[in-house]
Amino acid sequence: MSTQEEKKMNDEELNTTAAQEAAETMETPENTENVEQPAEQEEPLSEVDQLKLQLAEAEAKNAELQDKYLRQAAEFDNYRKRTIKEKAELIKSAAEKLMVAELPIVDDMDRALENMEKGMDADACIEGFKLIVHKFKNILTQNGLEKIETDGQEFDTDYHEAIALIPAPSEELKGKILDCVQPGYKLGDKVIRHAKVAVGQ
């Protein structure tokens, strides 16, 4: 190989080495620190994707409302059943209380019948029967039963039922009750039977 060819090869090697060094210098972190990376931009949702998102939100809201409705319906149904049960128990308890209170009256009537069968005199039987009736009415009064007053009272359709109109003996008695055919009763504030009366006209 000639001297000129050797020189040419050495020059090519130097150029190659210089190019490699320059490339390495450009890739060092010192040079790449100041290089701005392009910001990634989020692509806007398409109209279909927006509708899908809105649909998913609506379905979630609908499921929440349906669950709330079902819970409230179940709570109301439980409340209704509990109220019906409590009402039935209250009626049963009230009836039982009244029956227990009337048992002594039943005992008195049994004893009165036994005495009458043994030939007890009429006056004693009448007195015994009056006591039983008085005791029975007291028990009813204690349980809220009240007799509707009729003697000399003004006729009132809320409490009285007129079954007859008769001439009034005087002007003051017109429109007033002159006779009671069947007494009426109230249980508390509720009329359970109207008094059947004759009214003066």
Protein backbone atom coordinates (compact mmCIF):
# COMPACT_ATOMS: atom_id res chain seq x y z
CA MET A 1 0.00 0.00 0.00
CA SER A 2 1.28 3.44 -0.91
CA THR A 3 1.83 6.27 1.50
CA GLN A 4 -0.90 8.33 -0.15
CA GLU A 5 -3.49 5.58 0.35
CA GLU A 6 -2.55 5.19 4.02
CA LYS A 7 -3.01 8.92 4.56
CA LYS A 8 -6.41 8.80 2.90
CA MET A 9 -7.56 5.94 5.18
CA ASN A 10 -6.35 7.79 8.31
CA ASP A 11 -8.34 10.90 7.28
CA GLU A 12 -11.48 8.82 6.81
CA GLU A 13 -11.08 7.22 10.25
CA LEU A 14 -10.64 10.65 11.87
CA ASN A 15 -13.79 11.96 10.19
CA THR A 16 -15.77 8.93 11.32
CA THR A 17 -14.54 9.30 14.93
CA ALA A 18 -15.37 13.02 14.95
CA ALA A 19 -18.88 12.35 13.64
CA GLN A 20 -19.50 9.73 16.35
CA GLU A 21 -18.28 12.08 19.10
CA ALA A 22 -20.53 14.85 17.83
CA ALA A 23 -23.54 12.51 17.84
CA GLU A 24 -22.79 11.34 21.39
CA THR A 25 -22.45 14.96 22.55
CA MET A 26 -25.93 15.76 21.19
CA GLU A 27 -27.49 12.76 23.00
CA THR A 28 -26.10 13.64 26.46
CA PRO A 29 -28.61 14.62 29.17
CA GLU A 30 -27.11 18.11 29.27
CA ASN A 31 -28.34 18.82 25.79
CA THR A 32 -31.66 17.01 26.13
CA GLU A 33 -32.73 18.81 29.32
CA ASN A 34 -33.75 21.95 27.50
CA VAL A 35 -35.51 20.18 24.68
CA GLU A 36 -39.30 20.77 25.06
CA GLN A 37 -41.39 17.67 24.68
CA PRO A 38 -44.60 18.17 22.74
CA ALA A 39 -47.63 18.25 25.12
CA GLU A 40 -50.10 15.45 24.69
CA GLN A 41 -53.54 16.93 23.96
CA GLU A 42 -56.73 15.04 24.98
CA GLU A 43 -59.01 14.48 22.11
CA PRO A 44 -62.59 15.78 22.75
CA LEU A 45 -65.28 13.12 23.20
CA SER A 46 -67.38 12.40 20.21
CA GLU A 47 -71.13 13.03 20.31
CA VAL A 48 -71.80 9.30 20.58
CA ASP A 49 -69.40 8.95 23.52
CA GLN A 50 -71.07 11.92 25.26
CA LEU A 51 -74.48 10.33 24.80
CA LYS A 52 -73.17 7.03 26.16
CA LEU A 53 -71.78 8.82 29.21
CA GLN A 54 -75.08 10.63 29.81
CA LEU A 55 -76.98 7.34 29.43
CA ALA A 56 -74.74 5.61 31.98
CA GLU A 57 -75.27 8.47 34.46
CA ALA A 58 -79.04 8.37 33.92
CA GLU A 59 -79.14 4.59 34.43
CA ALA A 60 -77.16 4.91 37.67
CA LYS A 61 -79.53 7.63 38.92
CA ASN A 62 -82.55 5.54 37.93
CA ALA A 63 -81.20 2.50 39.81
CA GLU A 64 -80.63 4.65 42.90
CA LEU A 65 -84.18 6.08 42.79
CA GLN A 66 -85.70 2.63 42.18
CA ASP A 67 -83.83 1.23 45.18
CA LYS A 68 -85.04 4.13 47.32
CA TYR A 69 -88.63 3.63 46.13
CA LEU A 70 -88.56 -0.10 46.87
CA ARG A 71 -87.21 0.53 50.37
CA GLN A 72 -89.92 3.10 51.13
CA ALA A 73 -92.63 0.82 49.73
CA ALA A 74 -91.40 -2.04 51.92
CA GLU A 75 -91.29 0.22 55.00
CA PHE A 76 -94.85 1.45 54.34
CA ASP A 77 -96.11 -2.10 53.84
CA ASN A 78 -94.51 -3.16 57.14
CA TYR A 79 -96.06 -0.14 58.88
CA ARG A 80 -99.51 -0.97 57.45
CA LYS A 81 -99.30 -4.60 58.57
CA ARG A 82 -98.07 -3.59 62.02
CA THR A 83 -100.91 -1.06 62.40
CA ILE A 84 -103.54 -3.63 61.39
CA LYS A 85 -102.09 -6.14 63.84
CA GLU A 86 -101.99 -3.58 66.67
CA LYS A 87 -105.58 -2.54 65.96
CA ALA A 88 -106.77 -6.17 66.01
CA GLU A 89 -104.91 -6.78 69.27
CA LEU A 90 -106.42 -3.62 70.78
CA ILE A 91 -109.96 -4.69 69.86
CA LYS A 92 -109.31 -8.18 71.21
CA SER A 93 -107.86 -6.76 74.43
CA ALA A 94 -110.82 -4.39 74.91
CA ALA A 95 -113.33 -7.21 74.37
CA GLU A 96 -111.43 -9.45 76.80
CA LYS A 97 -111.36 -6.70 79.43
CA LEU A 98 -115.13 -6.21 79.15
CA MET A 99 -115.81 -9.95 79.33
CA VAL A 100 -113.68 -10.31 82.46
CA ALA A 101 -115.54 -7.39 84.08
CA GLU A 102 -118.92 -9.01 83.28
CA LEU A 103 -118.10 -12.41 84.73
CA PRO A 104 -119.17 -11.43 88.28
CA ILE A 105 -122.56 -10.43 86.82
CA VAL A 106 -122.89 -13.89 85.30
CA ASP A 107 -122.09 -15.41 88.71
CA ASP A 108 -124.75 -13.21 90.38
CA MET A 109 -127.38 -14.22 87.83
CA ASP A 110 -126.60 -17.91 88.32
CA ARG A 111 -127.00 -17.52 92.09
CA ALA A 112 -130.27 -15.58 91.63
CA LEU A 113 -131.69 -18.38 89.44
CA GLU A 114 -130.72 -20.99 92.02
CA ASN A 115 -132.49 -19.03 94.77
CA MET A 116 -135.63 -18.58 92.67
CA GLU A 117 -135.72 -22.31 91.97
CA LYS A 118 -135.51 -22.94 95.73
CA GLY A 119 -138.69 -20.91 96.24
CA MET A 120 -137.26 -17.54 97.29
CA ASP A 121 -140.02 -14.96 97.82
CA ALA A 122 -140.79 -12.47 95.02
CA ASP A 123 -139.68 -9.33 96.88
CA ALA A 124 -136.24 -10.78 97.59
CA CYS A 125 -135.92 -11.85 93.95
CA ILE A 126 -136.81 -8.35 92.73
CA GLU A 127 -134.29 -6.75 95.07
CA GLY A 128 -131.59 -9.19 93.99
CA PHE A 129 -132.35 -8.58 90.33
CA LYS A 130 -132.19 -4.79 90.82
CA LEU A 131 -128.76 -5.14 92.40
CA ILE A 132 -127.54 -7.23 89.47
CA VAL A 133 -128.85 -4.70 86.92
CA HIS A 134 -127.27 -1.81 88.85
CA LYS A 135 -123.93 -3.64 89.02
CA PHE A 136 -124.08 -4.45 85.30
CA LYS A 137 -124.79 -0.82 84.33
CA ASN A 138 -121.92 0.38 86.51
CA ILE A 139 -119.52 -1.93 84.68
CA LEU A 140 -120.73 -0.62 81.32
CA THR A 141 -120.35 2.98 82.51
CA GLN A 142 -116.81 2.27 83.69
CA ASN A 143 -116.02 1.02 80.18
CA GLY A 144 -117.22 4.26 78.54
CA LEU A 145 -120.92 3.56 77.92
CA GLU A 146 -123.20 6.55 78.53
CA LYS A 147 -126.98 6.77 78.27
CA ILE A 148 -128.36 9.56 76.07
CA GLU A 149 -130.61 11.90 78.03
CA THR A 150 -134.14 12.32 76.63
CA ASP A 151 -136.45 13.60 79.40
CA GLY A 152 -137.52 17.16 78.51
CA GLN A 153 -134.65 17.52 75.99
CA GLU A 154 -134.82 19.35 72.69
CA PHE A 155 -135.00 16.94 69.76
CA ASP A 156 -131.51 16.51 68.26
CA THR A 157 -131.00 14.35 65.18
CA ASP A 158 -127.39 13.70 66.28
CA TYR A 159 -128.66 11.73 69.29
CA HIS A 160 -132.37 11.05 68.78
CA GLU A 161 -134.55 9.25 66.24
CA ALA A 162 -138.17 10.44 66.06
CA ILE A 163 -140.56 7.55 65.60
CA ALA A 164 -143.73 9.50 66.43
CA LEU A 165 -145.09 13.06 66.56
CA ILE A 166 -147.71 13.72 69.21
CA PRO A 167 -149.62 16.88 70.16
CA ALA A 168 -147.70 18.89 72.75
CA PRO A 169 -149.63 19.62 75.97
CA SER A 170 -148.22 23.19 75.98
CA GLU A 171 -146.27 25.59 73.76
CA GLU A 172 -143.08 25.05 75.76
CA LEU A 173 -143.07 21.32 74.93
CA LYS A 174 -143.29 21.75 71.14
CA GLY A 175 -140.15 20.32 69.52
CA LYS A 176 -139.19 18.59 72.74
CA ILE A 177 -139.08 14.89 73.57
CA LEU A 178 -142.23 13.73 75.33
CA ASP A 179 -141.54 10.01 75.53
CA CYS A 180 -138.61 7.61 75.03
CA VAL A 181 -139.53 4.29 73.46
CA GLN A 182 -135.97 2.91 73.43
CA PRO A 183 -132.97 4.51 75.19
CA GLY A 184 -129.89 5.44 73.18
CA TYR A 185 -126.26 5.09 74.16
CA LYS A 186 -122.86 6.65 73.44
CA LEU A 187 -119.49 4.97 73.73
CA GLY A 188 -117.16 7.84 74.47
CA ASP A 189 -118.16 10.55 71.97
CA LYS A 190 -119.58 8.09 69.44
CA VAL A 191 -123.32 7.35 69.28
CA ILE A 192 -123.70 3.59 69.07
CA ARG A 193 -127.51 3.67 69.21
CA HIS A 194 -129.86 6.60 68.74
CA ALA A 195 -132.66 7.05 71.26
CA LYS A 196 -136.06 6.33 69.73
CA VAL A 197 -138.40 9.05 70.92
CA ALA A 198 -141.80 10.69 70.49
CA VAL A 199 -141.63 14.44 69.82
CA GLY A 200 -144.23 17.08 70.62
CA GLN A 201 -145.68 19.17 67.82
